[in-house]
Structures are given as C-alpha cells and as structure tokens.
Amino acid sequence: MIKLKDILLEVTQLYKVDAFIVVDDSYNVTDVLNNLRAVRRITTVNNNTPLDIEEKNKERTDNKSLHTLSLKFMSTDPKEDLKNIKLTSLRSKEGDPNPRIPGLLQLKFKPETLTKTS
C-alpha cells in the first residue's frame, strides 16, 4: 500500500540554494528576512553573511547593505520556482508602487548551488 507521505514526496521536493540580497539600511535585515520567509514555497531562510562582508557593509555610504543567505524551498520545478520567488519578493501588486518586501532592493540566486535536500 502506498503511503500518503510517499505520494507527497513524489510530487514536491525540498531544494536549497544560496543567494545574495541588497537591503536598504533604513530597514532591519531581520525584518526583511522574516518577510522573505513568508513568500510562498520558502521554508527556511538562513543569513550566513561572512564577517568581511559585514565589515564592508559598515563602511558603505550608499545606505545599502549586502547579505548572503541560504534558502530552502519546496518545488516540483526548482528553476521556474526560483524565478517566481524572485518576482514575488521584489514586486508588489499591480499599480502599487511599494515593494512586496519593504527594504529588499535586490535578490540574486546562485544557480550553481541549487541542490535537492532531504
């Protein structure tokens, strides 16, 4: 007999990918990451910005900071879902000038780090 868990695992898989984000310094990075966690299909967001980048962020004068993170997300088509995650993270509803995630200026995935996890 086929178990429900086995059926669900056949349909969706858990994937992990590394990413870079640029955040407006007038926003708290933790708040931006919490809002990113609320995006459909994302299950985990871990900030893993190295200390050298953190030091460079303190020296910047453009009111932006760069952060590295790793994302885990559920997917049946991971490359297509990464496009959708980026689109929905950076864009709000039609006609609304505000971004979906306040303070998130840029999101870029590292496709070479895309892996299936368990």
N, C-alpha and C. Protein backbone atom coordinates (compact mmCIF):
# COMPACT_ATOMS: atom_id res chain seq x y z
N MET A 1 0.84 -1.17 0.00
CA MET A 1 0.00 0.00 0.00
C MET A 1 0.89 1.25 0.00
N ILE A 2 0.54 2.24 -0.80
CA ILE A 2 1.31 3.47 -0.91
C ILE A 2 0.91 4.41 0.23
N LYS A 3 1.93 4.95 0.89
CA LYS A 3 1.69 5.87 1.99
C LYS A 3 1.52 7.29 1.46
N LEU A 4 0.73 8.08 2.17
CA LEU A 4 0.50 9.47 1.79
C LEU A 4 1.82 10.24 1.74
N LYS A 5 2.70 9.98 2.69
CA LYS A 5 3.99 10.66 2.73
C LYS A 5 4.79 10.39 1.45
N ASP A 6 4.77 9.16 0.97
CA ASP A 6 5.49 8.81 -0.25
C ASP A 6 4.90 9.53 -1.47
N ILE A 7 3.59 9.65 -1.50
CA ILE A 7 2.94 10.35 -2.61
C ILE A 7 3.33 11.82 -2.61
N LEU A 8 3.30 12.45 -1.45
CA LEU A 8 3.65 13.86 -1.36
C LEU A 8 5.11 14.10 -1.73
N LEU A 9 5.98 13.20 -1.34
CA LEU A 9 7.40 13.37 -1.66
C LEU A 9 7.67 13.20 -3.15
N GLU A 10 6.84 12.44 -3.84
CA GLU A 10 6.99 12.29 -5.28
C GLU A 10 6.62 13.58 -6.00
N VAL A 11 5.65 14.30 -5.47
CA VAL A 11 5.15 15.49 -6.12
C VAL A 11 6.07 16.69 -5.88
N THR A 12 6.45 16.91 -4.64
CA THR A 12 7.31 18.04 -4.33
C THR A 12 8.58 17.58 -3.64
N GLN A 13 9.65 18.30 -3.87
CA GLN A 13 10.92 18.01 -3.24
C GLN A 13 11.42 19.28 -2.56
N LEU A 14 12.31 19.11 -1.61
CA LEU A 14 12.92 20.22 -0.91
C LEU A 14 14.25 20.54 -1.57
N TYR A 15 14.45 21.81 -1.91
CA TYR A 15 15.67 22.26 -2.55
C TYR A 15 16.33 23.34 -1.71
N LYS A 16 17.64 23.48 -1.91
CA LYS A 16 18.40 24.51 -1.22
C LYS A 16 19.19 25.29 -2.27
N VAL A 17 19.29 26.62 -2.06
CA VAL A 17 20.05 27.48 -2.96
C VAL A 17 20.63 28.64 -2.15
N ASP A 18 21.81 29.08 -2.55
CA ASP A 18 22.42 30.26 -1.93
C ASP A 18 22.00 31.50 -2.70
N ALA A 19 21.97 32.63 -2.01
CA ALA A 19 21.51 33.87 -2.64
C ALA A 19 22.21 35.07 -2.03
N PHE A 20 22.14 36.18 -2.75
CA PHE A 20 22.60 37.48 -2.28
C PHE A 20 21.39 38.39 -2.23
N ILE A 21 21.33 39.23 -1.21
CA ILE A 21 20.30 40.26 -1.17
C ILE A 21 20.95 41.61 -0.87
N VAL A 22 20.36 42.65 -1.39
CA VAL A 22 20.75 44.02 -1.06
C VAL A 22 19.57 44.63 -0.31
N VAL A 23 19.88 45.20 0.85
CA VAL A 23 18.84 45.72 1.74
C VAL A 23 19.08 47.21 1.98
N ASP A 24 18.01 47.97 1.99
CA ASP A 24 18.06 49.39 2.35
C ASP A 24 18.38 49.47 3.84
N ASP A 25 19.40 50.25 4.19
CA ASP A 25 19.84 50.32 5.59
C ASP A 25 18.81 50.92 6.54
N SER A 26 17.80 51.59 6.02
CA SER A 26 16.78 52.14 6.92
C SER A 26 15.82 51.05 7.40
N TYR A 27 15.99 49.83 6.91
CA TYR A 27 15.17 48.69 7.33
C TYR A 27 16.04 47.69 8.08
N ASN A 28 15.45 47.01 9.02
CA ASN A 28 16.13 45.97 9.78
C ASN A 28 16.26 44.71 8.92
N VAL A 29 17.45 44.17 8.81
CA VAL A 29 17.70 42.98 8.00
C VAL A 29 16.86 41.80 8.49
N THR A 30 16.71 41.67 9.78
CA THR A 30 15.91 40.58 10.33
C THR A 30 14.47 40.67 9.87
N ASP A 31 13.92 41.88 9.81
CA ASP A 31 12.55 42.05 9.33
C ASP A 31 12.43 41.67 7.85
N VAL A 32 13.44 42.04 7.06
CA VAL A 32 13.44 41.68 5.64
C VAL A 32 13.48 40.16 5.49
N LEU A 33 14.32 39.49 6.26
CA LEU A 33 14.42 38.03 6.18
C LEU A 33 13.13 37.36 6.65
N ASN A 34 12.50 37.90 7.68
CA ASN A 34 11.22 37.35 8.14
C ASN A 34 10.15 37.47 7.06
N ASN A 35 10.14 38.61 6.36
CA ASN A 35 9.18 38.77 5.26
C ASN A 35 9.51 37.84 4.10
N LEU A 36 10.77 37.60 3.87
CA LEU A 36 11.17 36.66 2.81
C LEU A 36 10.71 35.24 3.16
N ARG A 37 10.74 34.91 4.44
CA ARG A 37 10.28 33.58 4.87
C ARG A 37 8.79 33.38 4.59
N ALA A 38 8.06 34.47 4.47
CA ALA A 38 6.61 34.39 4.24
C ALA A 38 6.25 34.18 2.78
N VAL A 39 7.24 34.23 1.88
CA VAL A 39 6.97 34.04 0.46
C VAL A 39 6.61 32.58 0.21
N ARG A 40 5.63 32.38 -0.66
CA ARG A 40 5.12 31.05 -0.98
C ARG A 40 6.26 30.12 -1.41
N ARG A 41 6.25 28.91 -0.91
CA ARG A 41 7.18 27.81 -1.18
C ARG A 41 8.46 27.86 -0.34
N ILE A 42 8.83 29.02 0.20
CA ILE A 42 10.05 29.09 1.01
C ILE A 42 9.78 28.50 2.38
N THR A 43 10.67 27.64 2.82
CA THR A 43 10.51 27.00 4.13
C THR A 43 11.53 27.51 5.14
N THR A 44 12.76 27.83 4.70
CA THR A 44 13.82 28.24 5.60
C THR A 44 14.67 29.32 4.96
N VAL A 45 15.04 30.33 5.74
CA VAL A 45 15.97 31.37 5.29
C VAL A 45 17.03 31.53 6.36
N ASN A 46 18.29 31.32 6.00
CA ASN A 46 19.39 31.47 6.94
C ASN A 46 20.35 32.54 6.45
N ASN A 47 20.61 33.53 7.30
CA ASN A 47 21.57 34.57 6.98
C ASN A 47 22.96 34.03 7.31
N ASN A 48 23.83 33.96 6.34
CA ASN A 48 25.19 33.47 6.58
C ASN A 48 26.23 34.43 6.01
N THR A 49 26.00 35.72 6.22
CA THR A 49 26.90 36.75 5.73
C THR A 49 28.24 36.67 6.46
N PRO A 50 29.34 36.53 5.72
CA PRO A 50 30.66 36.45 6.36
C PRO A 50 31.04 37.78 7.03
N LEU A 51 31.94 37.70 7.98
CA LEU A 51 32.36 38.89 8.72
C LEU A 51 33.01 39.94 7.84
N ASP A 52 33.74 39.53 6.81
CA ASP A 52 34.38 40.52 5.95
C ASP A 52 33.36 41.35 5.18
N ILE A 53 32.26 40.73 4.76
CA ILE A 53 31.20 41.48 4.09
C ILE A 53 30.48 42.38 5.08
N GLU A 54 30.29 41.91 6.31
CA GLU A 54 29.67 42.74 7.34
C GLU A 54 30.50 44.00 7.60
N GLU A 55 31.82 43.85 7.61
CA GLU A 55 32.71 45.00 7.82
C GLU A 55 32.60 45.97 6.65
N LYS A 56 32.54 45.46 5.42
CA LYS A 56 32.39 46.32 4.25
C LYS A 56 31.05 47.04 4.27
N ASN A 57 30.01 46.35 4.77
CA ASN A 57 28.68 46.98 4.87
C ASN A 57 28.73 48.20 5.79
N LYS A 58 29.52 48.12 6.86
CA LYS A 58 29.63 49.24 7.79
C LYS A 58 30.33 50.44 7.16
N GLU A 59 31.20 50.17 6.18
CA GLU A 59 31.96 51.24 5.52
C GLU A 59 31.20 51.87 4.35
N ARG A 60 30.13 51.25 3.90
CA ARG A 60 29.38 51.76 2.74
C ARG A 60 28.71 53.08 3.08
N THR A 61 28.60 53.94 2.06
CA THR A 61 27.97 55.24 2.26
C THR A 61 26.70 55.41 1.43
N ASP A 62 26.26 54.34 0.74
CA ASP A 62 25.09 54.44 -0.13
C ASP A 62 23.80 53.96 0.54
N ASN A 63 23.84 53.75 1.87
CA ASN A 63 22.67 53.32 2.64
C ASN A 63 22.12 51.97 2.19
N LYS A 64 23.00 51.10 1.74
CA LYS A 64 22.62 49.74 1.34
C LYS A 64 23.57 48.76 2.01
N SER A 65 23.12 47.54 2.19
CA SER A 65 23.99 46.50 2.72
C SER A 65 23.76 45.20 1.95
N LEU A 66 24.83 44.45 1.76
CA LEU A 66 24.81 43.18 1.05
C LEU A 66 24.82 42.05 2.07
N HIS A 67 24.01 41.05 1.83
CA HIS A 67 23.95 39.90 2.73
C HIS A 67 23.88 38.62 1.90
N THR A 68 24.49 37.57 2.41
CA THR A 68 24.38 36.26 1.77
C THR A 68 23.47 35.40 2.63
N LEU A 69 22.74 34.53 1.97
CA LEU A 69 21.84 33.66 2.71
C LEU A 69 21.64 32.35 1.96
N SER A 70 21.08 31.40 2.65
CA SER A 70 20.69 30.15 2.01
C SER A 70 19.19 29.97 2.22
N LEU A 71 18.54 29.53 1.16
CA LEU A 71 17.09 29.33 1.16
C LEU A 71 16.78 27.86 0.94
N LYS A 72 15.79 27.38 1.64
CA LYS A 72 15.22 26.07 1.34
C LYS A 72 13.79 26.31 0.89
N PHE A 73 13.38 25.59 -0.14
CA PHE A 73 12.04 25.78 -0.67
C PHE A 73 11.51 24.48 -1.25
N MET A 74 10.18 24.36 -1.26
CA MET A 74 9.51 23.19 -1.82
C MET A 74 9.24 23.46 -3.30
N SER A 75 9.45 22.44 -4.14
CA SER A 75 9.27 22.67 -5.56
C SER A 75 9.09 21.38 -6.33
N THR A 76 8.41 21.53 -7.47
CA THR A 76 8.38 20.45 -8.47
C THR A 76 9.23 20.84 -9.67
N ASP A 77 9.42 22.14 -9.88
CA ASP A 77 10.24 22.69 -10.95
C ASP A 77 11.09 23.81 -10.33
N PRO A 78 12.26 23.48 -9.77
CA PRO A 78 13.00 24.46 -8.97
C PRO A 78 13.45 25.71 -9.72
N LYS A 79 13.86 25.59 -10.96
CA LYS A 79 14.31 26.77 -11.70
C LYS A 79 13.16 27.74 -11.95
N GLU A 80 12.02 27.21 -12.29
CA GLU A 80 10.84 28.06 -12.50
C GLU A 80 10.39 28.69 -11.18
N ASP A 81 10.44 27.91 -10.10
CA ASP A 81 10.02 28.44 -8.81
C ASP A 81 10.98 29.52 -8.30
N LEU A 82 12.27 29.42 -8.62
CA LEU A 82 13.20 30.48 -8.24
C LEU A 82 12.84 31.79 -8.94
N LYS A 83 12.45 31.71 -10.21
CA LYS A 83 12.02 32.91 -10.93
C LYS A 83 10.80 33.52 -10.25
N ASN A 84 9.85 32.66 -9.87
CA ASN A 84 8.62 33.15 -9.21
C ASN A 84 8.91 33.73 -7.83
N ILE A 85 9.81 33.11 -7.10
CA ILE A 85 10.18 33.63 -5.77
C ILE A 85 10.79 35.01 -5.90
N LYS A 86 11.68 35.17 -6.87
CA LYS A 86 12.31 36.48 -7.08
C LYS A 86 11.28 37.52 -7.48
N LEU A 87 10.42 37.14 -8.42
CA LEU A 87 9.40 38.08 -8.90
C LEU A 87 8.45 38.51 -7.79
N THR A 88 7.97 37.57 -7.02
CA THR A 88 7.02 37.90 -5.96
C THR A 88 7.68 38.58 -4.77
N SER A 89 8.98 38.39 -4.58
CA SER A 89 9.68 39.05 -3.48
C SER A 89 9.94 40.52 -3.77
N LEU A 90 10.17 40.84 -5.03
CA LEU A 90 10.56 42.20 -5.38
C LEU A 90 9.41 43.06 -5.89
N ARG A 91 8.34 42.45 -6.34
CA ARG A 91 7.24 43.21 -6.93
C ARG A 91 5.99 43.09 -6.08
N SER A 92 5.28 44.18 -5.99
CA SER A 92 4.02 44.19 -5.26
C SER A 92 2.87 43.97 -6.25
N LYS A 93 1.66 44.21 -5.79
CA LYS A 93 0.50 44.08 -6.66
C LYS A 93 0.56 45.12 -7.77
N GLU A 94 -0.10 44.85 -8.87
CA GLU A 94 -0.15 45.78 -10.00
C GLU A 94 -0.61 47.15 -9.54
N GLY A 95 0.13 48.18 -9.94
CA GLY A 95 -0.25 49.54 -9.62
C GLY A 95 0.21 50.04 -8.27
N ASP A 96 0.67 49.15 -7.41
CA ASP A 96 1.15 49.55 -6.09
C ASP A 96 2.64 49.88 -6.21
N PRO A 97 3.05 51.12 -5.91
CA PRO A 97 4.45 51.50 -6.07
C PRO A 97 5.37 50.93 -5.00
N ASN A 98 4.81 50.41 -3.92
CA ASN A 98 5.63 49.88 -2.84
C ASN A 98 6.06 48.45 -3.13
N PRO A 99 7.27 48.08 -2.72
CA PRO A 99 7.73 46.69 -2.93
C PRO A 99 6.98 45.73 -2.02
N ARG A 100 6.96 44.47 -2.40
CA ARG A 100 6.27 43.47 -1.58
C ARG A 100 6.96 43.31 -0.24
N ILE A 101 8.29 43.28 -0.27
CA ILE A 101 9.06 43.17 0.97
C ILE A 101 9.77 44.51 1.18
N PRO A 102 9.29 45.31 2.11
CA PRO A 102 9.91 46.62 2.34
C PRO A 102 11.39 46.47 2.71
N GLY A 103 12.22 47.25 2.05
CA GLY A 103 13.65 47.24 2.33
C GLY A 103 14.46 46.31 1.44
N LEU A 104 13.82 45.37 0.77
CA LEU A 104 14.54 44.46 -0.12
C LEU A 104 14.70 45.14 -1.48
N LEU A 105 15.94 45.42 -1.84
CA LEU A 105 16.21 46.13 -3.08
C LEU A 105 16.60 45.20 -4.22
N GLN A 106 17.27 44.10 -3.88
CA GLN A 106 17.73 43.17 -4.92
C GLN A 106 17.83 41.76 -4.34
N LEU A 107 17.55 40.78 -5.17
CA LEU A 107 17.65 39.37 -4.80
C LEU A 107 18.26 38.64 -5.97
N LYS A 108 19.36 37.94 -5.73
CA LYS A 108 20.02 37.20 -6.79
C LYS A 108 20.40 35.82 -6.28
N PHE A 109 19.99 34.79 -7.02
CA PHE A 109 20.29 33.42 -6.65
C PHE A 109 21.59 32.97 -7.31
N LYS A 110 22.27 32.03 -6.67
CA LYS A 110 23.46 31.40 -7.26
C LYS A 110 23.01 30.03 -7.79
N PRO A 111 22.66 29.94 -9.08
CA PRO A 111 22.08 28.70 -9.60
C PRO A 111 23.01 27.49 -9.48
N GLU A 112 24.32 27.71 -9.44
CA GLU A 112 25.25 26.59 -9.32
C GLU A 112 25.18 25.92 -7.95
N THR A 113 24.52 26.57 -6.97
CA THR A 113 24.40 25.99 -5.63
C THR A 113 23.08 25.27 -5.42
N LEU A 114 22.22 25.26 -6.44
CA LEU A 114 20.91 24.61 -6.33
C LEU A 114 21.09 23.11 -6.14
N THR A 115 20.59 22.59 -5.02
CA THR A 115 20.69 21.16 -4.74
C THR A 115 19.39 20.65 -4.13
N LYS A 116 19.12 19.38 -4.35
CA LYS A 116 17.97 18.73 -3.72
C LYS A 116 18.40 18.27 -2.33
N THR A 117 17.57 18.54 -1.33
CA THR A 117 17.90 18.13 0.04
C THR A 117 16.81 17.20 0.54
N SER A 118 17.07 16.65 1.69
CA SER A 118 16.06 15.75 2.28
C SER A 118 15.49 16.31 3.54
